[in-house]
N, C-alpha and C. Protein backbone atom coordinates (compact mmCIF):
# COMPACT_ATOMS: atom_id res chain seq x y z
N MET A 1 45.06 91.67 106.20
CA MET A 1 45.75 92.56 105.28
C MET A 1 47.17 92.07 105.11
N SER A 2 47.68 92.17 103.92
CA SER A 2 49.04 91.73 103.63
C SER A 2 50.05 92.79 104.07
N SER A 3 51.31 92.39 104.09
CA SER A 3 52.36 93.33 104.45
C SER A 3 53.43 93.32 103.37
N ILE A 4 54.30 94.34 103.41
CA ILE A 4 55.33 94.53 102.41
C ILE A 4 56.60 95.01 103.12
N THR A 5 57.75 94.57 102.63
CA THR A 5 59.01 95.03 103.21
C THR A 5 59.36 96.40 102.62
N LEU A 6 60.30 97.07 103.27
CA LEU A 6 60.76 98.36 102.76
C LEU A 6 61.38 98.18 101.38
N ASP A 7 62.16 97.14 101.17
CA ASP A 7 62.77 96.91 99.86
C ASP A 7 61.71 96.68 98.79
N GLU A 8 60.66 95.94 99.12
CA GLU A 8 59.56 95.73 98.16
C GLU A 8 58.86 97.05 97.86
N LEU A 9 58.64 97.84 98.91
CA LEU A 9 58.00 99.15 98.72
C LEU A 9 58.84 100.01 97.79
N LEU A 10 60.14 100.09 98.05
CA LEU A 10 61.04 100.88 97.20
C LEU A 10 60.99 100.40 95.76
N GLY A 11 60.86 99.10 95.55
CA GLY A 11 60.79 98.53 94.20
C GLY A 11 59.52 98.88 93.45
N ASN A 12 58.51 99.35 94.17
CA ASN A 12 57.24 99.72 93.55
C ASN A 12 57.14 101.20 93.20
N THR A 13 58.20 101.96 93.47
CA THR A 13 58.18 103.39 93.17
C THR A 13 57.91 103.60 91.68
N GLY A 14 56.97 104.49 91.39
CA GLY A 14 56.59 104.79 90.00
C GLY A 14 55.51 103.88 89.45
N LYS A 15 54.97 102.99 90.27
CA LYS A 15 53.96 102.03 89.81
C LYS A 15 52.61 102.26 90.50
N GLU A 16 51.56 101.83 89.81
CA GLU A 16 50.27 101.78 90.47
C GLU A 16 50.33 100.64 91.47
N VAL A 17 50.00 100.92 92.73
CA VAL A 17 50.14 99.92 93.78
C VAL A 17 48.81 99.44 94.36
N GLY A 18 47.71 100.00 93.90
CA GLY A 18 46.43 99.51 94.39
C GLY A 18 45.24 100.30 93.89
N ILE A 19 44.13 99.58 93.76
CA ILE A 19 42.83 100.16 93.43
C ILE A 19 41.85 99.64 94.47
N SER A 20 41.21 100.54 95.18
CA SER A 20 40.30 100.14 96.26
C SER A 20 39.01 99.57 95.68
N PRO A 21 38.26 98.85 96.52
CA PRO A 21 36.91 98.47 96.11
C PRO A 21 36.02 99.71 95.98
N TRP A 22 34.97 99.58 95.17
CA TRP A 22 33.98 100.66 95.07
C TRP A 22 33.26 100.80 96.39
N ARG A 23 32.89 102.02 96.74
CA ARG A 23 32.04 102.26 97.90
C ARG A 23 31.00 103.31 97.55
N VAL A 24 29.80 103.13 98.06
CA VAL A 24 28.69 104.04 97.79
C VAL A 24 28.73 105.19 98.78
N VAL A 25 28.54 106.40 98.27
CA VAL A 25 28.42 107.59 99.13
C VAL A 25 26.93 107.85 99.31
N THR A 26 26.44 107.63 100.52
CA THR A 26 25.01 107.72 100.80
C THR A 26 24.64 109.07 101.41
N GLN A 27 23.36 109.38 101.36
CA GLN A 27 22.88 110.61 102.01
C GLN A 27 23.10 110.54 103.51
N THR A 28 22.98 109.35 104.09
CA THR A 28 23.23 109.19 105.52
C THR A 28 24.67 109.58 105.86
N MET A 29 25.64 109.13 105.05
CA MET A 29 27.04 109.51 105.26
C MET A 29 27.20 111.02 105.18
N ILE A 30 26.58 111.62 104.18
CA ILE A 30 26.69 113.07 103.98
C ILE A 30 26.08 113.81 105.16
N ASP A 31 24.91 113.38 105.62
CA ASP A 31 24.26 114.03 106.76
C ASP A 31 25.10 113.90 108.03
N GLN A 32 25.69 112.73 108.25
CA GLN A 32 26.52 112.52 109.44
C GLN A 32 27.79 113.38 109.36
N PHE A 33 28.37 113.50 108.17
CA PHE A 33 29.54 114.36 108.00
C PHE A 33 29.17 115.82 108.25
N ALA A 34 28.00 116.23 107.76
CA ALA A 34 27.52 117.59 108.01
C ALA A 34 27.38 117.85 109.50
N ASP A 35 26.83 116.87 110.23
CA ASP A 35 26.69 117.03 111.68
C ASP A 35 28.05 117.10 112.37
N ALA A 36 28.99 116.27 111.93
CA ALA A 36 30.31 116.23 112.56
C ALA A 36 31.11 117.51 112.32
N THR A 37 30.89 118.15 111.17
CA THR A 37 31.69 119.32 110.79
C THR A 37 30.93 120.64 110.86
N ASP A 38 29.66 120.58 111.21
CA ASP A 38 28.79 121.76 111.23
C ASP A 38 28.72 122.44 109.86
N ASP A 39 28.83 121.66 108.80
CA ASP A 39 28.70 122.17 107.43
C ASP A 39 27.39 121.63 106.85
N HIS A 40 26.31 122.38 107.07
CA HIS A 40 24.97 121.97 106.65
C HIS A 40 24.50 122.72 105.40
N GLN A 41 25.45 123.08 104.53
CA GLN A 41 25.04 123.78 103.32
C GLN A 41 24.02 122.92 102.57
N TRP A 42 23.00 123.57 102.06
CA TRP A 42 21.85 122.86 101.49
C TRP A 42 22.21 121.99 100.29
N ILE A 43 23.28 122.30 99.57
CA ILE A 43 23.62 121.45 98.42
C ILE A 43 24.03 120.04 98.86
N HIS A 44 24.33 119.90 100.17
CA HIS A 44 24.70 118.59 100.72
C HIS A 44 23.52 117.92 101.43
N VAL A 45 22.74 118.69 102.17
CA VAL A 45 21.77 118.07 103.09
C VAL A 45 20.31 118.25 102.70
N ASN A 46 20.04 118.91 101.60
CA ASN A 46 18.66 119.10 101.16
C ASN A 46 18.51 118.60 99.72
N PRO A 47 18.29 117.28 99.57
CA PRO A 47 18.24 116.69 98.23
C PRO A 47 17.18 117.31 97.32
N GLU A 48 16.03 117.68 97.88
CA GLU A 48 14.97 118.25 97.05
C GLU A 48 15.37 119.61 96.50
N ARG A 49 15.89 120.46 97.36
CA ARG A 49 16.32 121.79 96.90
C ARG A 49 17.50 121.67 95.94
N ALA A 50 18.44 120.77 96.24
CA ALA A 50 19.60 120.58 95.37
C ALA A 50 19.16 120.08 93.99
N ALA A 51 18.13 119.24 93.95
CA ALA A 51 17.62 118.76 92.66
C ALA A 51 16.99 119.89 91.87
N ALA A 52 16.32 120.79 92.58
CA ALA A 52 15.61 121.89 91.91
C ALA A 52 16.52 123.05 91.53
N GLU A 53 17.56 123.31 92.31
CA GLU A 53 18.32 124.55 92.14
C GLU A 53 19.78 124.38 91.72
N THR A 54 20.24 123.15 91.51
CA THR A 54 21.63 122.95 91.08
C THR A 54 21.67 122.13 89.80
N PRO A 55 22.79 122.15 89.11
CA PRO A 55 22.93 121.30 87.92
C PRO A 55 23.26 119.85 88.25
N PHE A 56 23.32 119.49 89.54
CA PHE A 56 23.77 118.16 89.93
C PHE A 56 22.64 117.13 89.97
N GLY A 57 21.38 117.57 89.95
CA GLY A 57 20.27 116.63 89.97
C GLY A 57 19.94 116.11 91.36
N GLY A 58 20.57 116.65 92.36
CA GLY A 58 20.35 116.23 93.75
C GLY A 58 21.50 116.69 94.60
N SER A 59 21.56 116.18 95.81
CA SER A 59 22.62 116.59 96.72
C SER A 59 23.96 115.98 96.33
N ILE A 60 25.03 116.61 96.80
CA ILE A 60 26.38 116.13 96.53
C ILE A 60 27.14 116.01 97.86
N ALA A 61 28.14 115.15 97.85
CA ALA A 61 28.98 114.96 99.04
C ALA A 61 29.88 116.17 99.24
N HIS A 62 30.20 116.44 100.47
CA HIS A 62 31.22 117.43 100.79
C HIS A 62 32.54 116.95 100.17
N GLY A 63 33.30 117.87 99.62
CA GLY A 63 34.61 117.49 99.10
C GLY A 63 35.49 116.87 100.17
N PHE A 64 35.41 117.42 101.38
CA PHE A 64 36.24 116.89 102.47
C PHE A 64 35.75 115.53 102.95
N LEU A 65 34.47 115.22 102.78
CA LEU A 65 33.99 113.86 103.06
C LEU A 65 34.65 112.89 102.10
N THR A 66 34.60 113.21 100.81
CA THR A 66 35.21 112.34 99.81
C THR A 66 36.69 112.16 100.12
N LEU A 67 37.37 113.24 100.42
CA LEU A 67 38.79 113.18 100.74
C LEU A 67 39.04 112.31 101.98
N SER A 68 38.20 112.45 102.99
CA SER A 68 38.40 111.72 104.24
C SER A 68 38.27 110.21 104.05
N LEU A 69 37.57 109.78 103.01
CA LEU A 69 37.42 108.35 102.76
C LEU A 69 38.71 107.71 102.27
N LEU A 70 39.71 108.53 101.92
CA LEU A 70 41.01 107.97 101.51
C LEU A 70 41.60 107.07 102.59
N SER A 71 41.46 107.44 103.85
CA SER A 71 42.02 106.61 104.91
C SER A 71 41.43 105.20 104.88
N ALA A 72 40.11 105.10 104.81
CA ALA A 72 39.47 103.79 104.77
C ALA A 72 39.86 103.03 103.51
N MET A 73 39.91 103.73 102.38
CA MET A 73 40.27 103.06 101.13
C MET A 73 41.72 102.60 101.15
N THR A 74 42.58 103.31 101.86
CA THR A 74 43.96 102.88 102.02
C THR A 74 44.02 101.57 102.78
N TYR A 75 43.34 101.52 103.93
CA TYR A 75 43.35 100.30 104.75
C TYR A 75 42.76 99.11 104.00
N GLU A 76 41.79 99.34 103.12
CA GLU A 76 41.19 98.26 102.33
C GLU A 76 42.10 97.76 101.22
N THR A 77 43.09 98.57 100.83
CA THR A 77 43.79 98.33 99.57
C THR A 77 45.28 98.08 99.70
N LEU A 78 45.96 98.90 100.45
CA LEU A 78 47.42 98.85 100.45
C LEU A 78 47.96 97.95 101.56
N PRO A 79 49.04 97.23 101.28
CA PRO A 79 49.65 96.41 102.33
C PRO A 79 50.30 97.29 103.39
N THR A 80 50.41 96.77 104.59
CA THR A 80 51.10 97.49 105.65
C THR A 80 52.60 97.31 105.47
N LEU A 81 53.35 98.28 105.93
CA LEU A 81 54.80 98.21 105.86
C LEU A 81 55.32 97.43 107.07
N GLU A 82 56.05 96.35 106.80
CA GLU A 82 56.58 95.54 107.89
C GLU A 82 57.44 96.38 108.82
N GLY A 83 57.20 96.27 110.11
CA GLY A 83 57.97 97.00 111.10
C GLY A 83 57.42 98.36 111.44
N ALA A 84 56.40 98.81 110.73
CA ALA A 84 55.81 100.12 111.02
C ALA A 84 54.87 100.01 112.20
N GLY A 85 55.06 100.88 113.17
CA GLY A 85 54.20 100.89 114.35
C GLY A 85 52.94 101.72 114.15
N MET A 86 53.05 102.73 113.29
CA MET A 86 51.89 103.57 113.01
C MET A 86 52.13 104.34 111.72
N GLY A 87 51.04 104.84 111.16
CA GLY A 87 51.09 105.70 110.00
C GLY A 87 50.52 107.06 110.34
N ILE A 88 51.06 108.09 109.70
CA ILE A 88 50.64 109.46 109.98
C ILE A 88 50.37 110.17 108.67
N ASN A 89 49.27 110.91 108.61
CA ASN A 89 49.04 111.81 107.49
C ASN A 89 50.01 112.97 107.63
N TYR A 90 50.75 113.26 106.57
CA TYR A 90 51.71 114.35 106.61
C TYR A 90 51.20 115.56 105.83
N GLY A 91 50.26 115.32 104.91
CA GLY A 91 49.67 116.43 104.18
C GLY A 91 49.53 116.15 102.70
N PHE A 92 49.24 117.21 101.98
CA PHE A 92 49.06 117.14 100.53
C PHE A 92 49.89 118.25 99.90
N ASP A 93 50.66 117.89 98.88
CA ASP A 93 51.37 118.92 98.13
C ASP A 93 50.46 119.52 97.07
N LYS A 94 49.52 118.75 96.57
CA LYS A 94 48.59 119.24 95.56
C LYS A 94 47.29 118.47 95.72
N LEU A 95 46.20 119.21 95.79
CA LEU A 95 44.89 118.61 95.98
C LEU A 95 43.90 119.37 95.13
N ARG A 96 43.14 118.65 94.32
CA ARG A 96 42.12 119.29 93.48
C ARG A 96 40.81 118.52 93.59
N PHE A 97 39.72 119.26 93.78
CA PHE A 97 38.37 118.70 93.74
C PHE A 97 37.86 118.93 92.32
N ILE A 98 37.86 117.90 91.52
CA ILE A 98 37.59 118.02 90.09
C ILE A 98 36.09 117.94 89.78
N THR A 99 35.44 116.88 90.28
CA THR A 99 34.04 116.62 89.94
C THR A 99 33.26 116.32 91.23
N PRO A 100 32.09 116.94 91.42
CA PRO A 100 31.30 116.64 92.62
C PRO A 100 30.83 115.18 92.62
N VAL A 101 30.75 114.61 93.81
CA VAL A 101 30.25 113.25 93.98
C VAL A 101 28.77 113.34 94.35
N LYS A 102 27.94 112.86 93.44
CA LYS A 102 26.49 112.89 93.69
C LYS A 102 26.11 111.82 94.70
N THR A 103 25.10 112.11 95.49
CA THR A 103 24.59 111.13 96.45
C THR A 103 24.21 109.86 95.71
N GLY A 104 24.65 108.73 96.24
CA GLY A 104 24.38 107.43 95.64
C GLY A 104 25.45 106.97 94.67
N ALA A 105 26.42 107.84 94.36
CA ALA A 105 27.50 107.47 93.44
C ALA A 105 28.46 106.49 94.13
N ARG A 106 29.15 105.72 93.30
CA ARG A 106 30.19 104.83 93.81
C ARG A 106 31.55 105.43 93.47
N ILE A 107 32.45 105.39 94.46
CA ILE A 107 33.79 105.93 94.27
C ILE A 107 34.82 104.87 94.64
N ARG A 108 36.03 105.05 94.13
CA ARG A 108 37.16 104.21 94.51
C ARG A 108 38.43 105.02 94.38
N ALA A 109 39.48 104.56 95.05
CA ALA A 109 40.77 105.25 94.98
C ALA A 109 41.78 104.42 94.21
N ARG A 110 42.61 105.13 93.45
CA ARG A 110 43.74 104.52 92.75
C ARG A 110 45.00 105.13 93.33
N PHE A 111 45.94 104.27 93.69
CA PHE A 111 47.16 104.71 94.36
C PHE A 111 48.38 104.42 93.47
N PHE A 112 49.15 105.47 93.19
CA PHE A 112 50.41 105.35 92.48
C PHE A 112 51.51 105.77 93.46
N LEU A 113 52.49 104.91 93.64
CA LEU A 113 53.58 105.22 94.57
C LEU A 113 54.56 106.15 93.87
N ALA A 114 54.60 107.40 94.31
CA ALA A 114 55.43 108.40 93.66
C ALA A 114 56.84 108.44 94.22
N ASP A 115 56.97 108.27 95.56
CA ASP A 115 58.30 108.42 96.17
C ASP A 115 58.31 107.76 97.54
N VAL A 116 59.47 107.25 97.90
CA VAL A 116 59.71 106.70 99.24
C VAL A 116 61.03 107.27 99.73
N ASN A 117 60.99 107.89 100.91
CA ASN A 117 62.20 108.48 101.48
C ASN A 117 62.39 107.91 102.88
N ALA A 118 63.35 106.98 102.99
CA ALA A 118 63.65 106.37 104.28
C ALA A 118 64.61 107.28 105.04
N ARG A 119 64.14 107.86 106.11
CA ARG A 119 64.93 108.80 106.90
C ARG A 119 65.75 108.05 107.97
N PRO A 120 66.89 108.58 108.34
CA PRO A 120 67.70 107.94 109.39
C PRO A 120 66.96 107.79 110.72
N SER A 121 65.97 108.63 110.95
CA SER A 121 65.19 108.58 112.19
C SER A 121 64.33 107.33 112.29
N GLY A 122 64.19 106.59 111.18
CA GLY A 122 63.29 105.45 111.17
C GLY A 122 61.91 105.82 110.66
N TRP A 123 61.73 107.07 110.30
CA TRP A 123 60.47 107.50 109.71
C TRP A 123 60.60 107.36 108.20
N ILE A 124 59.60 106.78 107.57
CA ILE A 124 59.60 106.57 106.13
C ILE A 124 58.53 107.48 105.54
N GLN A 125 58.95 108.47 104.74
CA GLN A 125 57.97 109.33 104.07
C GLN A 125 57.58 108.67 102.76
N ILE A 126 56.28 108.47 102.59
CA ILE A 126 55.74 107.81 101.39
C ILE A 126 54.80 108.79 100.71
N THR A 127 55.03 109.01 99.42
CA THR A 127 54.21 109.94 98.66
C THR A 127 53.44 109.15 97.61
N TYR A 128 52.13 109.35 97.60
CA TYR A 128 51.25 108.71 96.62
C TYR A 128 50.62 109.77 95.74
N ASN A 129 50.52 109.49 94.46
CA ASN A 129 49.62 110.23 93.59
C ASN A 129 48.32 109.46 93.62
N VAL A 130 47.27 110.10 94.12
CA VAL A 130 45.99 109.44 94.35
C VAL A 130 44.92 110.07 93.46
N THR A 131 44.08 109.22 92.92
CA THR A 131 42.90 109.66 92.20
C THR A 131 41.70 108.98 92.82
N ILE A 132 40.65 109.74 93.10
CA ILE A 132 39.38 109.14 93.51
C ILE A 132 38.46 109.19 92.30
N ASP A 133 38.16 108.01 91.78
CA ASP A 133 37.30 107.88 90.62
C ASP A 133 35.84 107.84 91.03
N ILE A 134 34.98 108.31 90.13
CA ILE A 134 33.54 108.17 90.27
C ILE A 134 33.09 107.20 89.18
N GLU A 135 32.37 106.18 89.56
CA GLU A 135 31.93 105.19 88.58
C GLU A 135 31.14 105.86 87.45
N ASN A 136 31.48 105.51 86.22
CA ASN A 136 30.83 106.01 85.00
C ASN A 136 31.03 107.51 84.76
N SER A 137 32.05 108.10 85.38
CA SER A 137 32.36 109.50 85.14
C SER A 137 33.69 109.59 84.40
N PRO A 138 33.76 110.41 83.36
CA PRO A 138 35.03 110.55 82.64
C PRO A 138 36.08 111.31 83.44
N LYS A 139 35.65 112.06 84.45
CA LYS A 139 36.58 112.84 85.26
C LYS A 139 36.54 112.35 86.71
N PRO A 140 37.68 112.41 87.39
CA PRO A 140 37.70 111.96 88.78
C PRO A 140 37.07 112.99 89.72
N ALA A 141 36.79 112.53 90.92
CA ALA A 141 36.32 113.44 91.96
C ALA A 141 37.47 114.26 92.50
N ILE A 142 38.60 113.59 92.74
CA ILE A 142 39.75 114.23 93.38
C ILE A 142 41.04 113.70 92.75
N THR A 143 42.01 114.59 92.63
CA THR A 143 43.39 114.18 92.38
C THR A 143 44.23 114.82 93.47
N ALA A 144 45.25 114.10 93.93
CA ALA A 144 46.05 114.61 95.02
C ALA A 144 47.43 113.97 95.05
N LYS A 145 48.38 114.71 95.56
CA LYS A 145 49.68 114.17 95.93
C LYS A 145 49.66 114.09 97.45
N TRP A 146 49.60 112.86 97.96
CA TRP A 146 49.37 112.62 99.39
C TRP A 146 50.66 112.17 100.05
N LEU A 147 51.06 112.88 101.09
CA LEU A 147 52.27 112.54 101.83
C LEU A 147 51.89 111.86 103.13
N THR A 148 52.50 110.70 103.36
CA THR A 148 52.26 109.96 104.58
C THR A 148 53.61 109.62 105.21
N ILE A 149 53.58 109.27 106.47
CA ILE A 149 54.78 108.84 107.16
C ILE A 149 54.48 107.53 107.88
N ALA A 150 55.36 106.55 107.67
CA ALA A 150 55.31 105.31 108.44
C ALA A 150 56.39 105.42 109.51
N VAL A 151 55.99 105.26 110.75
CA VAL A 151 56.92 105.33 111.86
C VAL A 151 57.30 103.90 112.23
N MET A 152 58.57 103.59 112.05
CA MET A 152 59.04 102.24 112.31
C MET A 152 59.17 102.01 113.81
N GLU A 153 58.81 100.80 114.24
CA GLU A 153 58.94 100.44 115.66
C GLU A 153 60.43 100.34 115.99
N ARG A 154 60.76 100.85 117.13
CA ARG A 154 62.17 100.75 117.59
C ARG A 154 62.43 99.34 118.08
N LYS A 155 63.58 98.82 117.68
CA LYS A 155 63.97 97.48 118.13
C LYS A 155 64.75 97.61 119.42
N GLU A 156 64.42 96.77 120.36
CA GLU A 156 65.14 96.75 121.64
C GLU A 156 66.56 96.26 121.39
N GLU A 157 67.52 97.00 121.92
CA GLU A 157 68.92 96.59 121.79
C GLU A 157 69.22 95.60 122.92
N THR A 158 69.96 94.56 122.57
CA THR A 158 70.36 93.59 123.59
C THR A 158 71.81 93.82 123.94
N ALA A 159 72.12 93.67 125.22
CA ALA A 159 73.49 93.94 125.68
C ALA A 159 74.36 92.72 125.58
């Protein structure tokens, strides 16, 4: 994975900074997420019933499953910030689940760098406007304003 300096990051404010590769959302992923979260609602885990009783034509991914894939899509797409020891999810100022993701659909994330705030503490707050697209869908699965923090490694002072 490539890296970027803080000055380069600041220079990208207001720009699209990455589009992730497509990834398929499988029934196996949905079932495993249901097991991990104890959310076994039938629209997710019963494809036959979902095909018969919903307008979706089959089962759909949990909204939070789709959202959780942002972390992996970030690592696949965005460069790391030079000097950052770790990244932290700080939250979302706005999050909307627009369109359900049908089982077998391909999704990808688009990242727009909205803001960078370098704090004196060495923590860098980075805000992205993120869209999760569904292949061949006119509407996205998710839109969000995602706040992250890069924690810069402390440099040892020499005497």
